Full PDB file with SEQRES, HELIX, SHEET, SSBOND, CRYST1, ORIGX, SCALE, CONECT and MASTER records, all heavy atoms in Angstrom:
SEQRES   1 A   36  ILE LEU ALA GLY VAL ARG ASP SER ALA LEU GLU ARG SER          
SEQRES   2 A   36  ARG ILE GLU CYS LEU ALA ALA ALA SER GLY GLU LEU ILE          
SEQRES   3 A   36  GLU ALA ILE GLY ILE ASP GLY VAL PRO VAL                      
SHEET    1 AA1 3 LEU A   2  ASP A   7  0                                        
SHEET    2 AA1 3 ARG A  12  LEU A  18 -1                                        
SHEET    3 AA1 3 LEU A  25  ILE A  29 -1                                        
CRYST1    1.000    1.000    1.000  90.00  90.00  90.00 P 1           1          
ORIGX1      1.000000  0.000000  0.000000        0.00000                         
ORIGX2      0.000000  1.000000  0.000000        0.00000                         
ORIGX3      0.000000  0.000000  1.000000        0.00000                         
SCALE1      1.000000  0.000000  0.000000        0.00000                         
SCALE2      0.000000  1.000000  0.000000        0.00000                         
SCALE3      0.000000  0.000000  1.000000        0.00000                         
ATOM      1  N   ILE A   1       3.967   7.870 -34.020  1.00  0.00           N  
ATOM      2  CA  ILE A   1       4.267   8.911 -33.018  1.00  0.00           C  
ATOM      3  C   ILE A   1       3.537   8.534 -31.746  1.00  0.00           C  
ATOM      4  O   ILE A   1       2.397   8.162 -31.762  1.00  0.00           O  
ATOM      5  CB  ILE A   1       3.776  10.283 -33.525  1.00  0.00           C  
ATOM      6  CG1 ILE A   1       4.559  10.695 -34.767  1.00  0.00           C  
ATOM      7  CG2 ILE A   1       3.977  11.339 -32.397  1.00  0.00           C  
ATOM      8  CD1 ILE A   1       3.887  11.875 -35.471  1.00  0.00           C  
ATOM      9  N   LEU A   2       4.240   8.652 -30.603  1.00  0.00           N  
ATOM     10  CA  LEU A   2       3.588   8.488 -29.312  1.00  0.00           C  
ATOM     11  C   LEU A   2       3.417   9.871 -28.712  1.00  0.00           C  
ATOM     12  O   LEU A   2       4.401  10.579 -28.462  1.00  0.00           O  
ATOM     13  CB  LEU A   2       4.416   7.615 -28.431  1.00  0.00           C  
ATOM     14  CG  LEU A   2       4.670   6.164 -28.872  1.00  0.00           C  
ATOM     15  CD1 LEU A   2       5.556   5.419 -27.874  1.00  0.00           C  
ATOM     16  CD2 LEU A   2       3.331   5.420 -29.069  1.00  0.00           C  
ATOM     17  N   ALA A   3       2.161  10.293 -28.547  1.00  0.00           N  
ATOM     18  CA  ALA A   3       1.896  11.657 -28.131  1.00  0.00           C  
ATOM     19  C   ALA A   3       1.157  11.646 -26.755  1.00  0.00           C  
ATOM     20  O   ALA A   3       0.240  10.864 -26.564  1.00  0.00           O  
ATOM     21  CB  ALA A   3       1.009  12.384 -29.153  1.00  0.00           C  
ATOM     22  N   GLY A   4       1.585  12.501 -25.849  1.00  0.00           N  
ATOM     23  CA  GLY A   4       0.907  12.653 -24.590  1.00  0.00           C  
ATOM     24  C   GLY A   4      -0.224  13.671 -24.693  1.00  0.00           C  
ATOM     25  O   GLY A   4      -0.019  14.787 -25.176  1.00  0.00           O  
ATOM     26  N   VAL A   5      -1.423  13.266 -24.307  1.00  0.00           N  
ATOM     27  CA  VAL A   5      -2.616  14.112 -24.432  1.00  0.00           C  
ATOM     28  C   VAL A   5      -3.105  14.403 -22.979  1.00  0.00           C  
ATOM     29  O   VAL A   5      -3.409  13.452 -22.237  1.00  0.00           O  
ATOM     30  CB  VAL A   5      -3.729  13.421 -25.239  1.00  0.00           C  
ATOM     31  CG1 VAL A   5      -4.867  14.409 -25.455  1.00  0.00           C  
ATOM     32  CG2 VAL A   5      -3.203  12.880 -26.527  1.00  0.00           C  
ATOM     33  N   ARG A   6      -3.147  15.658 -22.612  1.00  0.00           N  
ATOM     34  CA  ARG A   6      -3.592  16.060 -21.276  1.00  0.00           C  
ATOM     35  C   ARG A   6      -5.083  16.083 -21.193  1.00  0.00           C  
ATOM     36  O   ARG A   6      -5.776  16.589 -22.066  1.00  0.00           O  
ATOM     37  CB  ARG A   6      -3.004  17.409 -20.884  1.00  0.00           C  
ATOM     38  CG  ARG A   6      -1.505  17.470 -20.799  1.00  0.00           C  
ATOM     39  CD  ARG A   6      -1.020  18.746 -20.161  1.00  0.00           C  
ATOM     40  NE  ARG A   6       0.407  18.928 -20.227  1.00  0.00           N  
ATOM     41  CZ  ARG A   6       1.273  18.365 -19.358  1.00  0.00           C  
ATOM     42  NH1 ARG A   6       0.776  17.621 -18.374  1.00  0.00           N  
ATOM     43  NH2 ARG A   6       2.539  18.577 -19.491  1.00  0.00           N  
ATOM     44  N   ASP A   7      -5.619  15.583 -20.051  1.00  0.00           N  
ATOM     45  CA  ASP A   7      -7.053  15.627 -19.768  1.00  0.00           C  
ATOM     46  C   ASP A   7      -7.184  16.529 -18.536  1.00  0.00           C  
ATOM     47  O   ASP A   7      -6.901  16.065 -17.423  1.00  0.00           O  
ATOM     48  CB  ASP A   7      -7.577  14.228 -19.495  1.00  0.00           C  
ATOM     49  CG  ASP A   7      -9.114  14.224 -19.385  1.00  0.00           C  
ATOM     50  OD1 ASP A   7      -9.695  15.214 -18.878  1.00  0.00           O  
ATOM     51  OD2 ASP A   7      -9.736  13.200 -19.774  1.00  0.00           O  
ATOM     52  N   SER A   8      -7.595  17.762 -18.736  1.00  0.00           N  
ATOM     53  CA  SER A   8      -7.636  18.733 -17.607  1.00  0.00           C  
ATOM     54  C   SER A   8      -8.682  18.379 -16.587  1.00  0.00           C  
ATOM     55  O   SER A   8      -8.543  18.623 -15.402  1.00  0.00           O  
ATOM     56  CB  SER A   8      -7.894  20.138 -18.140  1.00  0.00           C  
ATOM     57  OG  SER A   8      -9.126  20.158 -18.892  1.00  0.00           O  
ATOM     58  N   ALA A   9      -9.739  17.708 -17.030  1.00  0.00           N  
ATOM     59  CA  ALA A   9     -10.836  17.353 -16.077  1.00  0.00           C  
ATOM     60  C   ALA A   9     -10.328  16.280 -15.101  1.00  0.00           C  
ATOM     61  O   ALA A   9     -10.670  16.337 -13.911  1.00  0.00           O  
ATOM     62  CB  ALA A   9     -12.031  16.789 -16.875  1.00  0.00           C  
ATOM     63  N   LEU A  10      -9.469  15.339 -15.578  1.00  0.00           N  
ATOM     64  CA  LEU A  10      -8.989  14.283 -14.724  1.00  0.00           C  
ATOM     65  C   LEU A  10      -7.585  14.594 -14.185  1.00  0.00           C  
ATOM     66  O   LEU A  10      -7.058  13.834 -13.375  1.00  0.00           O  
ATOM     67  CB  LEU A  10      -8.944  12.935 -15.487  1.00  0.00           C  
ATOM     68  CG  LEU A  10     -10.266  12.420 -15.993  1.00  0.00           C  
ATOM     69  CD1 LEU A  10     -10.069  11.149 -16.814  1.00  0.00           C  
ATOM     70  CD2 LEU A  10     -11.208  12.162 -14.827  1.00  0.00           C  
ATOM     71  N   GLU A  11      -6.991  15.714 -14.645  1.00  0.00           N  
ATOM     72  CA  GLU A  11      -5.645  16.119 -14.230  1.00  0.00           C  
ATOM     73  C   GLU A  11      -4.673  15.012 -14.460  1.00  0.00           C  
ATOM     74  O   GLU A  11      -3.862  14.650 -13.586  1.00  0.00           O  
ATOM     75  CB  GLU A  11      -5.605  16.550 -12.777  1.00  0.00           C  
ATOM     76  CG  GLU A  11      -6.403  17.865 -12.523  1.00  0.00           C  
ATOM     77  CD  GLU A  11      -6.165  18.393 -11.132  1.00  0.00           C  
ATOM     78  OE1 GLU A  11      -5.551  17.701 -10.313  1.00  0.00           O  
ATOM     79  OE2 GLU A  11      -6.646  19.522 -10.845  1.00  0.00           O  
ATOM     80  N   ARG A  12      -4.693  14.409 -15.642  1.00  0.00           N  
ATOM     81  CA  ARG A  12      -3.775  13.367 -15.998  1.00  0.00           C  
ATOM     82  C   ARG A  12      -3.539  13.414 -17.499  1.00  0.00           C  
ATOM     83  O   ARG A  12      -4.182  14.159 -18.242  1.00  0.00           O  
ATOM     84  CB  ARG A  12      -4.284  11.979 -15.617  1.00  0.00           C  
ATOM     85  CG  ARG A  12      -5.643  11.630 -16.228  1.00  0.00           C  
ATOM     86  CD  ARG A  12      -6.108  10.273 -15.793  1.00  0.00           C  
ATOM     87  NE  ARG A  12      -5.192   9.201 -16.295  1.00  0.00           N  
ATOM     88  CZ  ARG A  12      -5.371   7.938 -15.946  1.00  0.00           C  
ATOM     89  NH1 ARG A  12      -6.339   7.558 -15.177  1.00  0.00           N  
ATOM     90  NH2 ARG A  12      -4.520   7.007 -16.426  1.00  0.00           N  
ATOM     91  N   SER A  13      -2.575  12.616 -17.968  1.00  0.00           N  
ATOM     92  CA  SER A  13      -2.286  12.554 -19.398  1.00  0.00           C  
ATOM     93  C   SER A  13      -2.442  11.071 -19.848  1.00  0.00           C  
ATOM     94  O   SER A  13      -2.168  10.159 -19.106  1.00  0.00           O  
ATOM     95  CB  SER A  13      -0.858  13.038 -19.697  1.00  0.00           C  
ATOM     96  OG  SER A  13      -0.654  14.357 -19.298  1.00  0.00           O  
ATOM     97  N   ARG A  14      -2.846  10.930 -21.086  1.00  0.00           N  
ATOM     98  CA  ARG A  14      -2.893   9.611 -21.670  1.00  0.00           C  
ATOM     99  C   ARG A  14      -1.966   9.610 -22.897  1.00  0.00           C  
ATOM    100  O   ARG A  14      -1.605  10.694 -23.357  1.00  0.00           O  
ATOM    101  CB  ARG A  14      -4.302   9.220 -22.060  1.00  0.00           C  
ATOM    102  CG  ARG A  14      -4.913  10.034 -23.201  1.00  0.00           C  
ATOM    103  CD  ARG A  14      -6.302   9.628 -23.526  1.00  0.00           C  
ATOM    104  NE  ARG A  14      -6.851  10.334 -24.713  1.00  0.00           N  
ATOM    105  CZ  ARG A  14      -7.356  11.542 -24.708  1.00  0.00           C  
ATOM    106  NH1 ARG A  14      -7.437  12.230 -23.539  1.00  0.00           N  
ATOM    107  NH2 ARG A  14      -7.770  12.106 -25.805  1.00  0.00           N  
ATOM    108  N   ILE A  15      -1.672   8.479 -23.403  1.00  0.00           N  
ATOM    109  CA  ILE A  15      -0.755   8.356 -24.526  1.00  0.00           C  
ATOM    110  C   ILE A  15      -1.510   7.809 -25.761  1.00  0.00           C  
ATOM    111  O   ILE A  15      -2.237   6.823 -25.647  1.00  0.00           O  
ATOM    112  CB  ILE A  15       0.452   7.495 -24.249  1.00  0.00           C  
ATOM    113  CG1 ILE A  15       1.288   8.169 -23.138  1.00  0.00           C  
ATOM    114  CG2 ILE A  15       1.314   7.269 -25.468  1.00  0.00           C  
ATOM    115  CD1 ILE A  15       2.482   7.333 -22.655  1.00  0.00           C  
ATOM    116  N   GLU A  16      -1.371   8.494 -26.870  1.00  0.00           N  
ATOM    117  CA  GLU A  16      -1.988   8.048 -28.135  1.00  0.00           C  
ATOM    118  C   GLU A  16      -0.893   7.704 -29.115  1.00  0.00           C  
ATOM    119  O   GLU A  16       0.097   8.416 -29.250  1.00  0.00           O  
ATOM    120  CB  GLU A  16      -2.908   9.132 -28.752  1.00  0.00           C  
ATOM    121  CG  GLU A  16      -4.126   9.407 -27.902  1.00  0.00           C  
ATOM    122  CD  GLU A  16      -5.052  10.405 -28.599  1.00  0.00           C  
ATOM    123  OE1 GLU A  16      -4.674  11.002 -29.633  1.00  0.00           O  
ATOM    124  OE2 GLU A  16      -6.216  10.562 -28.164  1.00  0.00           O  
ATOM    125  N   CYS A  17      -1.054   6.589 -29.780  1.00  0.00           N  
ATOM    126  CA  CYS A  17      -0.176   6.168 -30.859  1.00  0.00           C  
ATOM    127  C   CYS A  17      -0.774   6.618 -32.187  1.00  0.00           C  
ATOM    128  O   CYS A  17      -1.870   6.188 -32.558  1.00  0.00           O  
ATOM    129  CB  CYS A  17       0.068   4.652 -30.859  1.00  0.00           C  
ATOM    130  SG  CYS A  17       1.163   4.067 -32.144  1.00  0.00           S  
ATOM    131  N   LEU A  18      -0.065   7.518 -32.933  1.00  0.00           N  
ATOM    132  CA  LEU A  18      -0.575   8.101 -34.126  1.00  0.00           C  
ATOM    133  C   LEU A  18       0.301   7.695 -35.336  1.00  0.00           C  
ATOM    134  O   LEU A  18       1.500   7.492 -35.169  1.00  0.00           O  
ATOM    135  CB  LEU A  18      -0.610   9.628 -34.074  1.00  0.00           C  
ATOM    136  CG  LEU A  18      -1.296  10.306 -32.846  1.00  0.00           C  
ATOM    137  CD1 LEU A  18      -1.110  11.797 -32.908  1.00  0.00           C  
ATOM    138  CD2 LEU A  18      -2.752   9.918 -32.811  1.00  0.00           C  
ATOM    139  N   ALA A  19      -0.333   7.584 -36.501  1.00  0.00           N  
ATOM    140  CA  ALA A  19       0.444   7.356 -37.733  1.00  0.00           C  
ATOM    141  C   ALA A  19       1.145   8.685 -38.112  1.00  0.00           C  
ATOM    142  O   ALA A  19       0.452   9.721 -38.251  1.00  0.00           O  
ATOM    143  CB  ALA A  19      -0.486   6.920 -38.867  1.00  0.00           C  
ATOM    144  N   ALA A  20       2.448   8.646 -38.280  1.00  0.00           N  
ATOM    145  CA  ALA A  20       3.150   9.894 -38.579  1.00  0.00           C  
ATOM    146  C   ALA A  20       2.738  10.489 -39.919  1.00  0.00           C  
ATOM    147  O   ALA A  20       2.761  11.683 -40.099  1.00  0.00           O  
ATOM    148  CB  ALA A  20       4.698   9.593 -38.606  1.00  0.00           C  
ATOM    149  N   ALA A  21       2.373   9.651 -40.895  1.00  0.00           N  
ATOM    150  CA  ALA A  21       2.060  10.141 -42.217  1.00  0.00           C  
ATOM    151  C   ALA A  21       0.663  10.815 -42.294  1.00  0.00           C  
ATOM    152  O   ALA A  21       0.485  11.699 -43.102  1.00  0.00           O  
ATOM    153  CB  ALA A  21       2.116   8.968 -43.211  1.00  0.00           C  
ATOM    154  N   SER A  22      -0.250  10.401 -41.416  1.00  0.00           N  
ATOM    155  CA  SER A  22      -1.606  10.880 -41.540  1.00  0.00           C  
ATOM    156  C   SER A  22      -2.186  11.450 -40.284  1.00  0.00           C  
ATOM    157  O   SER A  22      -3.215  12.170 -40.300  1.00  0.00           O  
ATOM    158  CB  SER A  22      -2.553   9.787 -42.033  1.00  0.00           C  
ATOM    159  OG  SER A  22      -2.574   8.741 -41.042  1.00  0.00           O  
ATOM    160  N   GLY A  23      -1.582  11.200 -39.123  1.00  0.00           N  
ATOM    161  CA  GLY A  23      -2.126  11.653 -37.832  1.00  0.00           C  
ATOM    162  C   GLY A  23      -3.287  10.772 -37.331  1.00  0.00           C  
ATOM    163  O   GLY A  23      -3.864  11.045 -36.289  1.00  0.00           O  
ATOM    164  N   GLU A  24      -3.568   9.721 -38.079  1.00  0.00           N  
ATOM    165  CA  GLU A  24      -4.685   8.785 -37.677  1.00  0.00           C  
ATOM    166  C   GLU A  24      -4.342   8.080 -36.398  1.00  0.00           C  
ATOM    167  O   GLU A  24      -3.178   7.674 -36.166  1.00  0.00           O  
ATOM    168  CB  GLU A  24      -4.895   7.786 -38.813  1.00  0.00           C  
ATOM    169  CG  GLU A  24      -5.972   6.743 -38.492  1.00  0.00           C  
ATOM    170  CD  GLU A  24      -6.113   5.709 -39.568  1.00  0.00           C  
ATOM    171  OE1 GLU A  24      -5.408   5.811 -40.628  1.00  0.00           O  
ATOM    172  OE2 GLU A  24      -6.936   4.786 -39.421  1.00  0.00           O  
ATOM    173  N   LEU A  25      -5.324   7.951 -35.509  1.00  0.00           N  
ATOM    174  CA  LEU A  25      -5.150   7.242 -34.254  1.00  0.00           C  
ATOM    175  C   LEU A  25      -5.088   5.777 -34.531  1.00  0.00           C  
ATOM    176  O   LEU A  25      -5.964   5.145 -35.071  1.00  0.00           O  
ATOM    177  CB  LEU A  25      -6.349   7.516 -33.300  1.00  0.00           C  
ATOM    178  CG  LEU A  25      -6.345   6.799 -31.961  1.00  0.00           C  
ATOM    179  CD1 LEU A  25      -5.149   7.219 -31.143  1.00  0.00           C  
ATOM    180  CD2 LEU A  25      -7.650   7.021 -31.207  1.00  0.00           C  
ATOM    181  N   ILE A  26      -3.938   5.182 -34.131  1.00  0.00           N  
ATOM    182  CA  ILE A  26      -3.755   3.751 -34.268  1.00  0.00           C  
ATOM    183  C   ILE A  26      -4.152   3.000 -33.012  1.00  0.00           C  
ATOM    184  O   ILE A  26      -4.787   1.976 -33.033  1.00  0.00           O  
ATOM    185  CB  ILE A  26      -2.267   3.441 -34.597  1.00  0.00           C  
ATOM    186  CG1 ILE A  26      -1.874   4.041 -35.928  1.00  0.00           C  
ATOM    187  CG2 ILE A  26      -2.016   1.970 -34.611  1.00  0.00           C  
ATOM    188  CD1 ILE A  26      -0.391   3.929 -36.253  1.00  0.00           C  
ATOM    189  N   GLU A  27      -3.747   3.612 -31.854  1.00  0.00           N  
ATOM    190  CA  GLU A  27      -4.030   2.957 -30.575  1.00  0.00           C  
ATOM    191  C   GLU A  27      -4.077   3.955 -29.467  1.00  0.00           C  
ATOM    192  O   GLU A  27      -3.219   4.862 -29.421  1.00  0.00           O  
ATOM    193  CB  GLU A  27      -2.927   1.917 -30.306  1.00  0.00           C  
ATOM    194  CG  GLU A  27      -3.095   1.130 -29.036  1.00  0.00           C  
ATOM    195  CD  GLU A  27      -1.956   0.186 -28.759  1.00  0.00           C  
ATOM    196  OE1 GLU A  27      -0.956   0.204 -29.547  1.00  0.00           O  
ATOM    197  OE2 GLU A  27      -2.008  -0.591 -27.798  1.00  0.00           O  
ATOM    198  N   ALA A  28      -5.059   3.872 -28.600  1.00  0.00           N  
ATOM    199  CA  ALA A  28      -5.083   4.643 -27.327  1.00  0.00           C  
ATOM    200  C   ALA A  28      -4.474   3.771 -26.237  1.00  0.00           C  
ATOM    201  O   ALA A  28      -5.026   2.711 -25.942  1.00  0.00           O  
ATOM    202  CB  ALA A  28      -6.498   5.069 -27.004  1.00  0.00           C  
ATOM    203  N   ILE A  29      -3.392   4.223 -25.681  1.00  0.00           N  
ATOM    204  CA  ILE A  29      -2.642   3.382 -24.695  1.00  0.00           C  
ATOM    205  C   ILE A  29      -3.016   3.908 -23.293  1.00  0.00           C  
ATOM    206  O   ILE A  29      -2.832   5.090 -22.991  1.00  0.00           O  
ATOM    207  CB  ILE A  29      -1.162   3.480 -24.931  1.00  0.00           C  
ATOM    208  CG1 ILE A  29      -0.806   3.042 -26.337  1.00  0.00           C  
ATOM    209  CG2 ILE A  29      -0.373   2.665 -23.898  1.00  0.00           C  
ATOM    210  CD1 ILE A  29       0.615   3.281 -26.746  1.00  0.00           C  
ATOM    211  N   GLY A  30      -3.524   3.026 -22.466  1.00  0.00           N  
ATOM    212  CA  GLY A  30      -4.004   3.460 -21.135  1.00  0.00           C  
ATOM    213  C   GLY A  30      -2.909   3.630 -20.140  1.00  0.00           C  
ATOM    214  O   GLY A  30      -2.877   2.939 -19.108  1.00  0.00           O  
ATOM    215  N   ILE A  31      -1.983   4.540 -20.421  1.00  0.00           N  
ATOM    216  CA  ILE A  31      -0.838   4.819 -19.547  1.00  0.00           C  
ATOM    217  C   ILE A  31      -0.846   6.309 -19.206  1.00  0.00           C  
ATOM    218  O   ILE A  31      -1.019   7.131 -20.075  1.00  0.00           O  
ATOM    219  CB  ILE A  31       0.487   4.441 -20.213  1.00  0.00           C  
ATOM    220  CG1 ILE A  31       0.507   2.908 -20.441  1.00  0.00           C  
ATOM    221  CG2 ILE A  31       1.659   4.839 -19.393  1.00  0.00           C  
ATOM    222  CD1 ILE A  31       1.741   2.477 -21.246  1.00  0.00           C  
ATOM    223  N   ASP A  32      -0.730   6.627 -17.914  1.00  0.00           N  
ATOM    224  CA  ASP A  32      -0.710   8.009 -17.451  1.00  0.00           C  
ATOM    225  C   ASP A  32       0.721   8.524 -17.412  1.00  0.00           C  
ATOM    226  O   ASP A  32       1.587   7.870 -16.832  1.00  0.00           O  
ATOM    227  CB  ASP A  32      -1.362   8.077 -16.080  1.00  0.00           C  
ATOM    228  CG  ASP A  32      -1.408   9.520 -15.564  1.00  0.00           C  
ATOM    229  OD1 ASP A  32      -1.272  10.433 -16.389  1.00  0.00           O  
ATOM    230  OD2 ASP A  32      -1.584   9.707 -14.362  1.00  0.00           O  
ATOM    231  N   GLY A  33       1.013   9.670 -18.028  1.00  0.00           N  
ATOM    232  CA  GLY A  33       2.329  10.238 -17.976  1.00  0.00           C  
ATOM    233  C   GLY A  33       2.767  10.858 -19.248  1.00  0.00           C  
ATOM    234  O   GLY A  33       2.019  10.855 -20.230  1.00  0.00           O  
ATOM    235  N   VAL A  34       3.974  11.408 -19.279  1.00  0.00           N  
ATOM    236  CA  VAL A  34       4.566  12.047 -20.438  1.00  0.00           C  
ATOM    237  C   VAL A  34       5.485  11.066 -21.115  1.00  0.00           C  
ATOM    238  O   VAL A  34       6.399  10.543 -20.457  1.00  0.00           O  
ATOM    239  CB  VAL A  34       5.339  13.331 -20.062  1.00  0.00           C  
ATOM    240  CG1 VAL A  34       6.008  13.952 -21.248  1.00  0.00           C  
ATOM    241  CG2 VAL A  34       4.404  14.338 -19.379  1.00  0.00           C  
ATOM    242  N   PRO A  35       5.293  10.721 -22.393  1.00  0.00           N  
ATOM    243  CA  PRO A  35       6.193   9.762 -23.046  1.00  0.00           C  
ATOM    244  C   PRO A  35       7.626  10.271 -23.150  1.00  0.00           C  
ATOM    245  O   PRO A  35       7.855  11.443 -23.517  1.00  0.00           O  
ATOM    246  CB  PRO A  35       5.551   9.580 -24.420  1.00  0.00           C  
ATOM    247  CG  PRO A  35       4.795  10.857 -24.661  1.00  0.00           C  
ATOM    248  CD  PRO A  35       4.279  11.263 -23.331  1.00  0.00           C  
ATOM    249  N   VAL A  36       8.591   9.457 -22.783  1.00  0.00           N  
ATOM    250  CA  VAL A  36      10.004   9.850 -22.778  1.00  0.00           C  
ATOM    251  C   VAL A  36      10.790   9.051 -23.821  1.00  0.00           C  
ATOM    252  O   VAL A  36      11.617   9.626 -24.508  1.00  0.00           O  
ATOM    253  CB  VAL A  36      10.597   9.598 -21.376  1.00  0.00           C  
ATOM    254  CG1 VAL A  36      12.124   9.816 -21.371  1.00  0.00           C  
ATOM    255  CG2 VAL A  36       9.930  10.529 -20.358  1.00  0.00           C  
TER     256      VAL A  36                                                      
MASTER        0    0    0    0    3    0    0    6  255    1    0    3          
END                                                                             
């Protein structure tokens, strides 16, 4: 799953790649925006 996570302090979003079966973080992707 590619999930957009908002950071209110920085007023931006980052994208996290999660395992659909467990929710475990696989990769933090340094991209700002909402995944489409």
